[in-house]
Amino acid sequence: LFYGLEAIREAGIVDVGIIVGETAAEIETAVGDGSAFGIRVTYIQQE
């Protein structure tokens, strides 16, 4: 996942929505608010 987030930032995109499911807590712990990647992350739950 980190390779994709880095590629998005390198393309000049900073507003990123991440679709999460049953592993949402793990994804959110790893990515956080996105500041480590130079992006702003909004999490969107898919049931």
All heavy atoms as atom14 arrays in JSON, in Angstrom:
{
  "sequence": "LFYGLEAIREAGIVDVGIIVGETAAEIETAVGDGSAFGIRVTYIQQE",
  "atom14_mask": [
    [1, 1, 1, 1, 1, 1, 1, 1, 0, 0, 0, 0, 0, 0],
    [1, 1, 1, 1, 1, 1, 1, 1, 1, 1, 1, 0, 0, 0],
    [1, 1, 1, 1, 1, 1, 1, 1, 1, 1, 1, 1, 0, 0],
    [1, 1, 1, 1, 0, 0, 0, 0, 0, 0, 0, 0, 0, 0],
    [1, 1, 1, 1, 1, 1, 1, 1, 0, 0, 0, 0, 0, 0],
    [1, 1, 1, 1, 1, 1, 1, 1, 1, 0, 0, 0, 0, 0],
    [1, 1, 1, 1, 1, 0, 0, 0, 0, 0, 0, 0, 0, 0],
    [1, 1, 1, 1, 1, 1, 1, 1, 0, 0, 0, 0, 0, 0],
    [1, 1, 1, 1, 1, 1, 1, 1, 1, 1, 1, 0, 0, 0],
    [1, 1, 1, 1, 1, 1, 1, 1, 1, 0, 0, 0, 0, 0],
    [1, 1, 1, 1, 1, 0, 0, 0, 0, 0, 0, 0, 0, 0],
    [1, 1, 1, 1, 0, 0, 0, 0, 0, 0, 0, 0, 0, 0],
    [1, 1, 1, 1, 1, 1, 1, 1, 0, 0, 0, 0, 0, 0],
    [1, 1, 1, 1, 1, 1, 1, 0, 0, 0, 0, 0, 0, 0],
    [1, 1, 1, 1, 1, 1, 1, 1, 0, 0, 0, 0, 0, 0],
    [1, 1, 1, 1, 1, 1, 1, 0, 0, 0, 0, 0, 0, 0],
    [1, 1, 1, 1, 0, 0, 0, 0, 0, 0, 0, 0, 0, 0],
    [1, 1, 1, 1, 1, 1, 1, 1, 0, 0, 0, 0, 0, 0],
    [1, 1, 1, 1, 1, 1, 1, 1, 0, 0, 0, 0, 0, 0],
    [1, 1, 1, 1, 1, 1, 1, 0, 0, 0, 0, 0, 0, 0],
    [1, 1, 1, 1, 0, 0, 0, 0, 0, 0, 0, 0, 0, 0],
    [1, 1, 1, 1, 1, 1, 1, 1, 1, 0, 0, 0, 0, 0],
    [1, 1, 1, 1, 1, 1, 1, 0, 0, 0, 0, 0, 0, 0],
    [1, 1, 1, 1, 1, 0, 0, 0, 0, 0, 0, 0, 0, 0],
    [1, 1, 1, 1, 1, 0, 0, 0, 0, 0, 0, 0, 0, 0],
    [1, 1, 1, 1, 1, 1, 1, 1, 1, 0, 0, 0, 0, 0],
    [1, 1, 1, 1, 1, 1, 1, 1, 0, 0, 0, 0, 0, 0],
    [1, 1, 1, 1, 1, 1, 1, 1, 1, 0, 0, 0, 0, 0],
    [1, 1, 1, 1, 1, 1, 1, 0, 0, 0, 0, 0, 0, 0],
    [1, 1, 1, 1, 1, 0, 0, 0, 0, 0, 0, 0, 0, 0],
    [1, 1, 1, 1, 1, 1, 1, 0, 0, 0, 0, 0, 0, 0],
    [1, 1, 1, 1, 0, 0, 0, 0, 0, 0, 0, 0, 0, 0],
    [1, 1, 1, 1, 1, 1, 1, 1, 0, 0, 0, 0, 0, 0],
    [1, 1, 1, 1, 0, 0, 0, 0, 0, 0, 0, 0, 0, 0],
    [1, 1, 1, 1, 1, 1, 0, 0, 0, 0, 0, 0, 0, 0],
    [1, 1, 1, 1, 1, 0, 0, 0, 0, 0, 0, 0, 0, 0],
    [1, 1, 1, 1, 1, 1, 1, 1, 1, 1, 1, 0, 0, 0],
    [1, 1, 1, 1, 0, 0, 0, 0, 0, 0, 0, 0, 0, 0],
    [1, 1, 1, 1, 1, 1, 1, 1, 0, 0, 0, 0, 0, 0],
    [1, 1, 1, 1, 1, 1, 1, 1, 1, 1, 1, 0, 0, 0],
    [1, 1, 1, 1, 1, 1, 1, 0, 0, 0, 0, 0, 0, 0],
    [1, 1, 1, 1, 1, 1, 1, 0, 0, 0, 0, 0, 0, 0],
    [1, 1, 1, 1, 1, 1, 1, 1, 1, 1, 1, 1, 0, 0],
    [1, 1, 1, 1, 1, 1, 1, 1, 0, 0, 0, 0, 0, 0],
    [1, 1, 1, 1, 1, 1, 1, 1, 1, 0, 0, 0, 0, 0],
    [1, 1, 1, 1, 1, 1, 1, 1, 1, 0, 0, 0, 0, 0],
    [1, 1, 1, 1, 1, 1, 1, 1, 1, 0, 0, 0, 0, 0]
  ],
  "atom14_positions": [
    [[0.82, -1.21, 0.0], [0.0, 0.0, 0.0], [0.85, 1.26, 0.0], [0.48, 2.26, -0.63], [-0.92, -0.01, 1.24], [-1.8, 1.21, 1.47], [-2.78, 1.4, 0.32], [-2.53, 1.09, 2.8], [0.0, 0.0, 0.0], [0.0, 0.0, 0.0], [0.0, 0.0, 0.0], [0.0, 0.0, 0.0], [0.0, 0.0, 0.0], [0.0, 0.0, 0.0]],
    [[1.98, 1.24, 0.68], [2.8, 2.43, 0.8], [3.36, 2.87, -0.55], [3.53, 4.06, -0.8], [3.96, 2.19, 1.78], [3.53, 2.08, 3.22], [2.2, 1.99, 3.58], [4.49, 2.06, 4.23], [1.8, 1.88, 4.91], [4.1, 1.96, 5.57], [2.77, 1.86, 5.91], [0.0, 0.0, 0.0], [0.0, 0.0, 0.0], [0.0, 0.0, 0.0]],
    [[3.68, 1.9, -1.43], [4.18, 2.27, -2.76], [3.14, 3.08, -3.51], [3.47, 4.06, -4.19], [4.55, 1.01, -3.55], [5.75, 0.27, -3.03], [5.61, -0.85, -2.22], [7.04, 0.68, -3.36], [6.7, -1.54, -1.74], [8.16, -0.01, -2.89], [7.98, -1.11, -2.08], [9.08, -1.8, -1.61], [0.0, 0.0, 0.0], [0.0, 0.0, 0.0]],
    [[1.87, 2.68, -3.42], [0.81, 3.41, -4.1], [0.63, 4.81, -3.53], [0.47, 5.79, -4.29], [0.0, 0.0, 0.0], [0.0, 0.0, 0.0], [0.0, 0.0, 0.0], [0.0, 0.0, 0.0], [0.0, 0.0, 0.0], [0.0, 0.0, 0.0], [0.0, 0.0, 0.0], [0.0, 0.0, 0.0], [0.0, 0.0, 0.0], [0.0, 0.0, 0.0]],
    [[0.65, 4.94, -2.2], [0.5, 6.26, -1.58], [1.66, 7.18, -1.98], [1.45, 8.38, -2.24], [0.42, 6.12, -0.07], [-0.79, 5.34, 0.47], [-0.72, 5.25, 2.0], [-2.1, 5.95, 0.02], [0.0, 0.0, 0.0], [0.0, 0.0, 0.0], [0.0, 0.0, 0.0], [0.0, 0.0, 0.0], [0.0, 0.0, 0.0], [0.0, 0.0, 0.0]],
    [[2.86, 6.64, -2.05], [4.01, 7.45, -2.46], [3.89, 7.87, -3.92], [4.22, 9.01, -4.28], [5.3, 6.66, -2.23], [5.64, 6.48, -0.75], [6.75, 5.48, -0.5], [7.21, 4.83, -1.47], [7.17, 5.36, 0.67], [0.0, 0.0, 0.0], [0.0, 0.0, 0.0], [0.0, 0.0, 0.0], [0.0, 0.0, 0.0], [0.0, 0.0, 0.0]],
    [[3.39, 6.96, -4.77], [3.21, 7.29, -6.19], [2.18, 8.39, -6.37], [2.33, 9.29, -7.22], [2.8, 6.04, -6.97], [0.0, 0.0, 0.0], [0.0, 0.0, 0.0], [0.0, 0.0, 0.0], [0.0, 0.0, 0.0], [0.0, 0.0, 0.0], [0.0, 0.0, 0.0], [0.0, 0.0, 0.0], [0.0, 0.0, 0.0], [0.0, 0.0, 0.0]],
    [[1.12, 8.35, -5.57], [0.08, 9.38, -5.62], [0.66, 10.73, -5.23], [0.41, 11.75, -5.9], [-1.09, 8.97, -4.72], [-1.88, 7.82, -5.38], [-2.0, 10.15, -4.42], [-2.82, 7.1, -4.45], [0.0, 0.0, 0.0], [0.0, 0.0, 0.0], [0.0, 0.0, 0.0], [0.0, 0.0, 0.0], [0.0, 0.0, 0.0], [0.0, 0.0, 0.0]],
    [[1.43, 10.77, -4.15], [2.03, 12.03, -3.73], [3.02, 12.54, -4.77], [3.08, 13.76, -5.05], [2.73, 11.85, -2.37], [3.41, 13.13, -1.87], [2.36, 14.22, -1.63], [2.97, 15.51, -1.33], [3.3, 16.42, -2.23], [3.1, 16.17, -3.53], [3.82, 17.57, -1.87], [0.0, 0.0, 0.0], [0.0, 0.0, 0.0], [0.0, 0.0, 0.0]],
    [[3.81, 11.67, -5.35], [4.78, 12.09, -6.37], [4.08, 12.68, -7.59], [4.66, 13.49, -8.33], [5.65, 10.9, -6.77], [6.65, 10.5, -5.69], [7.28, 9.14, -5.95], [6.99, 8.54, -7.01], [8.04, 8.66, -5.08], [0.0, 0.0, 0.0], [0.0, 0.0, 0.0], [0.0, 0.0, 0.0], [0.0, 0.0, 0.0], [0.0, 0.0, 0.0]],
    [[2.82, 12.27, -7.82], [2.05, 12.82, -8.94], [1.4, 14.15, -8.58], [0.66, 14.73, -9.38], [0.98, 11.82, -9.36], [0.0, 0.0, 0.0], [0.0, 0.0, 0.0], [0.0, 0.0, 0.0], [0.0, 0.0, 0.0], [0.0, 0.0, 0.0], [0.0, 0.0, 0.0], [0.0, 0.0, 0.0], [0.0, 0.0, 0.0], [0.0, 0.0, 0.0]],
    [[1.65, 14.66, -7.36], [1.15, 15.95, -6.96], [-0.23, 15.94, -6.34], [-0.86, 16.99, -6.2], [0.0, 0.0, 0.0], [0.0, 0.0, 0.0], [0.0, 0.0, 0.0], [0.0, 0.0, 0.0], [0.0, 0.0, 0.0], [0.0, 0.0, 0.0], [0.0, 0.0, 0.0], [0.0, 0.0, 0.0], [0.0, 0.0, 0.0], [0.0, 0.0, 0.0]],
    [[-0.72, 14.76, -5.94], [-2.05, 14.63, -5.34], [-1.89, 14.47, -3.84], [-1.14, 13.6, -3.39], [-2.79, 13.42, -5.95], [-2.94, 13.61, -7.46], [-4.15, 13.24, -5.29], [-3.45, 12.37, -8.18], [0.0, 0.0, 0.0], [0.0, 0.0, 0.0], [0.0, 0.0, 0.0], [0.0, 0.0, 0.0], [0.0, 0.0, 0.0], [0.0, 0.0, 0.0]],
    [[-2.62, 15.28, -3.07], [-2.46, 15.23, -1.62], [-3.75, 14.84, -0.89], [-3.69, 14.39, 0.26], [-1.93, 16.57, -1.05], [-0.53, 16.84, -1.58], [-2.86, 17.72, -1.39], [0.0, 0.0, 0.0], [0.0, 0.0, 0.0], [0.0, 0.0, 0.0], [0.0, 0.0, 0.0], [0.0, 0.0, 0.0], [0.0, 0.0, 0.0], [0.0, 0.0, 0.0]],
    [[-4.91, 15.02, -1.51], [-6.18, 14.64, -0.87], [-6.53, 13.21, -1.27], [-6.86, 12.95, -2.43], [-7.3, 15.59, -1.28], [-7.19, 16.94, -0.6], [-6.88, 16.95, 0.61], [-7.41, 17.97, -1.26], [0.0, 0.0, 0.0], [0.0, 0.0, 0.0], [0.0, 0.0, 0.0], [0.0, 0.0, 0.0], [0.0, 0.0, 0.0], [0.0, 0.0, 0.0]],
    [[-6.45, 12.3, -0.31], [-6.58, 10.87, -0.59], [-7.67, 10.27, 0.29], [-7.62, 10.38, 1.52], [-5.25, 10.14, -0.34], [-5.39, 8.64, -0.65], [-4.13, 10.75, -1.18], [0.0, 0.0, 0.0], [0.0, 0.0, 0.0], [0.0, 0.0, 0.0], [0.0, 0.0, 0.0], [0.0, 0.0, 0.0], [0.0, 0.0, 0.0], [0.0, 0.0, 0.0]],
    [[-8.65, 9.64, -0.34], [-9.65, 8.85, 0.38], [-9.26, 7.39, 0.33], [-8.88, 6.89, -0.74], [0.0, 0.0, 0.0], [0.0, 0.0, 0.0], [0.0, 0.0, 0.0], [0.0, 0.0, 0.0], [0.0, 0.0, 0.0], [0.0, 0.0, 0.0], [0.0, 0.0, 0.0], [0.0, 0.0, 0.0], [0.0, 0.0, 0.0], [0.0, 0.0, 0.0]],
    [[-9.29, 6.72, 1.46], [-8.95, 5.3, 1.49], [-10.19, 4.51, 1.89], [-10.76, 4.71, 2.97], [-7.8, 5.01, 2.48], [-6.55, 5.79, 2.08], [-7.5, 3.51, 2.52], [-5.34, 5.52, 2.96], [0.0, 0.0, 0.0], [0.0, 0.0, 0.0], [0.0, 0.0, 0.0], [0.0, 0.0, 0.0], [0.0, 0.0, 0.0], [0.0, 0.0, 0.0]],
    [[-10.62, 3.62, 0.99], [-11.74, 2.73, 1.26], [-11.24, 1.59, 2.14], [-10.28, 0.9, 1.8], [-12.32, 2.15, -0.04], [-12.8, 3.28, -0.97], [-13.46, 1.18, 0.27], [-14.02, 4.01, -0.5], [0.0, 0.0, 0.0], [0.0, 0.0, 0.0], [0.0, 0.0, 0.0], [0.0, 0.0, 0.0], [0.0, 0.0, 0.0], [0.0, 0.0, 0.0]],
    [[-11.88, 1.4, 3.3], [-11.46, 0.36, 4.22], [-12.65, -0.55, 4.54], [-13.81, -0.14, 4.44], [-10.88, 0.95, 5.53], [-9.56, 1.65, 5.26], [-11.87, 1.92, 6.18], [0.0, 0.0, 0.0], [0.0, 0.0, 0.0], [0.0, 0.0, 0.0], [0.0, 0.0, 0.0], [0.0, 0.0, 0.0], [0.0, 0.0, 0.0], [0.0, 0.0, 0.0]],
    [[-12.32, -1.78, 4.92], [-13.34, -2.76, 5.27], [-13.06, -3.34, 6.64], [-12.8, -2.62, 7.6], [0.0, 0.0, 0.0], [0.0, 0.0, 0.0], [0.0, 0.0, 0.0], [0.0, 0.0, 0.0], [0.0, 0.0, 0.0], [0.0, 0.0, 0.0], [0.0, 0.0, 0.0], [0.0, 0.0, 0.0], [0.0, 0.0, 0.0], [0.0, 0.0, 0.0]],
    [[-13.03, -4.68, 6.71], [-12.89, -5.34, 8.01], [-11.5, -5.18, 8.61], [-11.32, -5.39, 9.8], [-13.24, -6.82, 7.88], [-12.38, -7.57, 6.89], [-12.84, -9.01, 6.68], [-13.99, -9.32, 7.06], [-12.05, -9.79, 6.13], [0.0, 0.0, 0.0], [0.0, 0.0, 0.0], [0.0, 0.0, 0.0], [0.0, 0.0, 0.0], [0.0, 0.0, 0.0]],
    [[-10.51, -4.8, 7.81], [-9.16, -4.55, 8.33], [-8.91, -3.05, 8.53], [-7.77, -2.61, 8.54], [-8.09, -5.13, 7.39], [-8.22, -4.52, 6.1], [-8.24, -6.64, 7.26], [0.0, 0.0, 0.0], [0.0, 0.0, 0.0], [0.0, 0.0, 0.0], [0.0, 0.0, 0.0], [0.0, 0.0, 0.0], [0.0, 0.0, 0.0], [0.0, 0.0, 0.0]],
    [[-9.97, -2.28, 8.71], [-9.84, -0.82, 8.81], [-8.88, -0.39, 9.91], [-8.03, 0.49, 9.69], [-11.22, -0.21, 9.06], [0.0, 0.0, 0.0], [0.0, 0.0, 0.0], [0.0, 0.0, 0.0], [0.0, 0.0, 0.0], [0.0, 0.0, 0.0], [0.0, 0.0, 0.0], [0.0, 0.0, 0.0], [0.0, 0.0, 0.0], [0.0, 0.0, 0.0]],
    [[-8.96, -1.01, 11.08], [-8.1, -0.59, 12.19], [-6.63, -0.77, 11.85], [-5.79, 0.1, 12.17], [-8.46, -1.4, 13.45], [0.0, 0.0, 0.0], [0.0, 0.0, 0.0], [0.0, 0.0, 0.0], [0.0, 0.0, 0.0], [0.0, 0.0, 0.0], [0.0, 0.0, 0.0], [0.0, 0.0, 0.0], [0.0, 0.0, 0.0], [0.0, 0.0, 0.0]],
    [[-6.29, -1.87, 11.19], [-4.9, -2.11, 10.83], [-4.4, -1.1, 9.79], [-3.28, -0.58, 9.88], [-4.75, -3.54, 10.3], [-3.31, -3.97, 10.11], [-3.19, -5.39, 9.6], [-4.22, -6.01, 9.28], [-2.05, -5.88, 9.51], [0.0, 0.0, 0.0], [0.0, 0.0, 0.0], [0.0, 0.0, 0.0], [0.0, 0.0, 0.0], [0.0, 0.0, 0.0]],
    [[-5.24, -0.82, 8.79], [-4.88, 0.16, 7.76], [-4.69, 1.54, 8.4], [-3.7, 2.24, 8.12], [-5.95, 0.22, 6.66], [-6.09, -1.13, 5.93], [-5.63, 1.34, 5.68], [-4.94, -1.51, 5.06], [0.0, 0.0, 0.0], [0.0, 0.0, 0.0], [0.0, 0.0, 0.0], [0.0, 0.0, 0.0], [0.0, 0.0, 0.0], [0.0, 0.0, 0.0]],
    [[-5.61, 1.93, 9.26], [-5.54, 3.26, 9.88], [-4.32, 3.39, 10.79], [-3.69, 4.45, 10.87], [-6.82, 3.55, 10.64], [-8.03, 3.71, 9.71], [-9.32, 4.03, 10.45], [-9.24, 4.62, 11.55], [-10.4, 3.69, 9.94], [0.0, 0.0, 0.0], [0.0, 0.0, 0.0], [0.0, 0.0, 0.0], [0.0, 0.0, 0.0], [0.0, 0.0, 0.0]],
    [[-3.97, 2.31, 11.48], [-2.77, 2.35, 12.33], [-1.51, 2.52, 11.48], [-0.59, 3.27, 11.85], [-2.67, 1.06, 13.16], [-3.8, 0.98, 14.04], [-1.4, 1.04, 13.99], [0.0, 0.0, 0.0], [0.0, 0.0, 0.0], [0.0, 0.0, 0.0], [0.0, 0.0, 0.0], [0.0, 0.0, 0.0], [0.0, 0.0, 0.0], [0.0, 0.0, 0.0]],
    [[-1.46, 1.84, 10.35], [-0.27, 1.9, 9.5], [-0.12, 3.24, 8.78], [0.99, 3.75, 8.65], [-0.32, 0.77, 8.47], [0.0, 0.0, 0.0], [0.0, 0.0, 0.0], [0.0, 0.0, 0.0], [0.0, 0.0, 0.0], [0.0, 0.0, 0.0], [0.0, 0.0, 0.0], [0.0, 0.0, 0.0], [0.0, 0.0, 0.0], [0.0, 0.0, 0.0]],
    [[-1.22, 3.81, 8.32], [-1.17, 5.01, 7.47], [-1.37, 6.29, 8.29], [-0.82, 7.34, 7.95], [-2.22, 4.91, 6.34], [-2.23, 6.18, 5.49], [-1.94, 3.69, 5.47], [0.0, 0.0, 0.0], [0.0, 0.0, 0.0], [0.0, 0.0, 0.0], [0.0, 0.0, 0.0], [0.0, 0.0, 0.0], [0.0, 0.0, 0.0], [0.0, 0.0, 0.0]],
    [[-2.16, 6.21, 9.35], [-2.43, 7.38, 10.16], [-3.16, 8.45, 9.38], [-4.02, 8.16, 8.53], [0.0, 0.0, 0.0], [0.0, 0.0, 0.0], [0.0, 0.0, 0.0], [0.0, 0.0, 0.0], [0.0, 0.0, 0.0], [0.0, 0.0, 0.0], [0.0, 0.0, 0.0], [0.0, 0.0, 0.0], [0.0, 0.0, 0.0], [0.0, 0.0, 0.0]],
    [[-2.82, 9.7, 9.64], [-3.49, 10.81, 8.94], [-2.86, 11.1, 7.59], [-3.29, 12.03, 6.88], [-3.5, 12.07, 9.8], [-2.09, 12.6, 10.09], [-1.09, 12.02, 9.61], [-1.99, 13.61, 10.83], [0.0, 0.0, 0.0], [0.0, 0.0, 0.0], [0.0, 0.0, 0.0], [0.0, 0.0, 0.0], [0.0, 0.0, 0.0], [0.0, 0.0, 0.0]],
    [[-1.83, 10.32, 7.22], [-1.18, 10.49, 5.92], [-0.01, 11.44, 5.92], [0.71, 11.55, 4.92], [0.0, 0.0, 0.0], [0.0, 0.0, 0.0], [0.0, 0.0, 0.0], [0.0, 0.0, 0.0], [0.0, 0.0, 0.0], [0.0, 0.0, 0.0], [0.0, 0.0, 0.0], [0.0, 0.0, 0.0], [0.0, 0.0, 0.0], [0.0, 0.0, 0.0]],
    [[0.23, 12.14, 7.03], [1.29, 13.14, 7.05], [2.67, 12.55, 6.8], [3.55, 13.21, 6.23], [1.27, 13.9, 8.38], [1.41, 13.0, 9.48], [0.0, 0.0, 0.0], [0.0, 0.0, 0.0], [0.0, 0.0, 0.0], [0.0, 0.0, 0.0], [0.0, 0.0, 0.0], [0.0, 0.0, 0.0], [0.0, 0.0, 0.0], [0.0, 0.0, 0.0]],
    [[2.88, 11.29, 7.19], [4.18, 10.64, 6.93], [4.44, 10.49, 5.44], [5.6, 10.36, 5.02], [4.22, 9.28, 7.62], [0.0, 0.0, 0.0], [0.0, 0.0, 0.0], [0.0, 0.0, 0.0], [0.0, 0.0, 0.0], [0.0, 0.0, 0.0], [0.0, 0.0, 0.0], [0.0, 0.0, 0.0], [0.0, 0.0, 0.0], [0.0, 0.0, 0.0]],
    [[3.39, 10.51, 4.65], [3.53, 10.38, 3.19], [3.36, 11.72, 2.47], [3.42, 11.77, 1.24], [2.48, 9.39, 2.65], [2.53, 8.04, 3.28], [1.78, 7.74, 4.41], [3.36, 7.05, 2.76], [1.84, 6.49, 5.0], [3.41, 5.8, 3.34], [2.66, 5.52, 4.47], [0.0, 0.0, 0.0], [0.0, 0.0, 0.0], [0.0, 0.0, 0.0]],
    [[3.1, 12.77, 3.22], [2.87, 14.08, 2.61], [1.49, 14.22, 2.01], [1.3, 15.01, 1.08], [0.0, 0.0, 0.0], [0.0, 0.0, 0.0], [0.0, 0.0, 0.0], [0.0, 0.0, 0.0], [0.0, 0.0, 0.0], [0.0, 0.0, 0.0], [0.0, 0.0, 0.0], [0.0, 0.0, 0.0], [0.0, 0.0, 0.0], [0.0, 0.0, 0.0]],
    [[0.5, 13.47, 2.54], [-0.86, 13.53, 2.03], [-1.83, 13.74, 3.18], [-1.46, 13.64, 4.34], [-1.24, 12.23, 1.27], [-1.1, 11.01, 2.19], [-0.38, 12.07, 0.01], [-1.51, 9.68, 1.55], [0.0, 0.0, 0.0], [0.0, 0.0, 0.0], [0.0, 0.0, 0.0], [0.0, 0.0, 0.0], [0.0, 0.0, 0.0], [0.0, 0.0, 0.0]],
    [[-3.09, 14.05, 2.83], [-4.18, 14.15, 3.81], [-5.15, 13.0, 3.55], [-5.7, 12.9, 2.45], [-4.89, 15.49, 3.7], [-4.05, 16.69, 4.05], [-4.89, 17.97, 4.04], [-5.37, 18.26, 2.69], [-4.72, 19.04, 1.82], [-3.55, 19.57, 2.16], [-5.22, 19.29, 0.63], [0.0, 0.0, 0.0], [0.0, 0.0, 0.0], [0.0, 0.0, 0.0]],
    [[-5.39, 12.18, 4.55], [-6.18, 10.97, 4.35], [-7.56, 11.1, 4.99], [-7.69, 11.56, 6.13], [-5.46, 9.74, 4.94], [-6.37, 8.52, 4.96], [-4.21, 9.42, 4.11], [0.0, 0.0, 0.0], [0.0, 0.0, 0.0], [0.0, 0.0, 0.0], [0.0, 0.0, 0.0], [0.0, 0.0, 0.0], [0.0, 0.0, 0.0], [0.0, 0.0, 0.0]],
    [[-8.57, 10.69, 4.24], [-9.93, 10.53, 4.74], [-10.3, 9.05, 4.59], [-10.18, 8.48, 3.5], [-10.92, 11.38, 3.93], [-10.56, 12.76, 4.04], [-12.35, 11.17, 4.42], [0.0, 0.0, 0.0], [0.0, 0.0, 0.0], [0.0, 0.0, 0.0], [0.0, 0.0, 0.0], [0.0, 0.0, 0.0], [0.0, 0.0, 0.0], [0.0, 0.0, 0.0]],
    [[-10.72, 8.41, 5.68], [-11.1, 7.0, 5.63], [-12.59, 6.88, 5.35], [-13.41, 7.59, 5.93], [-10.74, 6.3, 6.94], [-9.24, 6.2, 7.15], [-8.58, 7.11, 7.98], [-8.49, 5.24, 6.49], [-7.21, 7.04, 8.16], [-7.12, 5.16, 6.67], [-6.48, 6.07, 7.49], [-5.12, 6.0, 7.66], [0.0, 0.0, 0.0], [0.0, 0.0, 0.0]],
    [[-12.93, 5.95, 4.45], [-14.31, 5.74, 4.02], [-14.64, 4.27, 4.23], [-14.02, 3.4, 3.61], [-14.5, 6.13, 2.54], [-14.07, 7.6, 2.33], [-15.95, 5.91, 2.1], [-13.87, 7.98, 0.88], [0.0, 0.0, 0.0], [0.0, 0.0, 0.0], [0.0, 0.0, 0.0], [0.0, 0.0, 0.0], [0.0, 0.0, 0.0], [0.0, 0.0, 0.0]],
    [[-15.55, 3.97, 5.11], [-15.88, 2.59, 5.47], [-16.81, 1.98, 4.43], [-17.84, 2.56, 4.08], [-16.54, 2.54, 6.84], [-16.84, 1.14, 7.35], [-15.58, 0.38, 7.77], [-14.71, 0.95, 8.43], [-15.51, -0.9, 7.43], [0.0, 0.0, 0.0], [0.0, 0.0, 0.0], [0.0, 0.0, 0.0], [0.0, 0.0, 0.0], [0.0, 0.0, 0.0]],
    [[-16.45, 0.79, 3.94], [-17.29, 0.01, 3.05], [-17.78, -1.21, 3.83], [-16.97, -2.01, 4.3], [-16.52, -0.41, 1.79], [-17.36, -1.07, 0.73], [-16.54, -1.46, -0.51], [-15.37, -1.85, -0.39], [-17.13, -1.34, -1.69], [0.0, 0.0, 0.0], [0.0, 0.0, 0.0], [0.0, 0.0, 0.0], [0.0, 0.0, 0.0], [0.0, 0.0, 0.0]],
    [[-19.08, -1.37, 3.97], [-19.62, -2.4, 4.85], [-19.33, -3.81, 4.35], [-19.3, -4.76, 5.13], [-21.13, -2.22, 5.04], [-21.98, -2.47, 3.82], [-22.19, -1.24, 2.96], [-21.4, -0.27, 3.1], [-23.13, -1.25, 2.14], [0.0, 0.0, 0.0], [0.0, 0.0, 0.0], [0.0, 0.0, 0.0], [0.0, 0.0, 0.0], [0.0, 0.0, 0.0]]
  ]
}
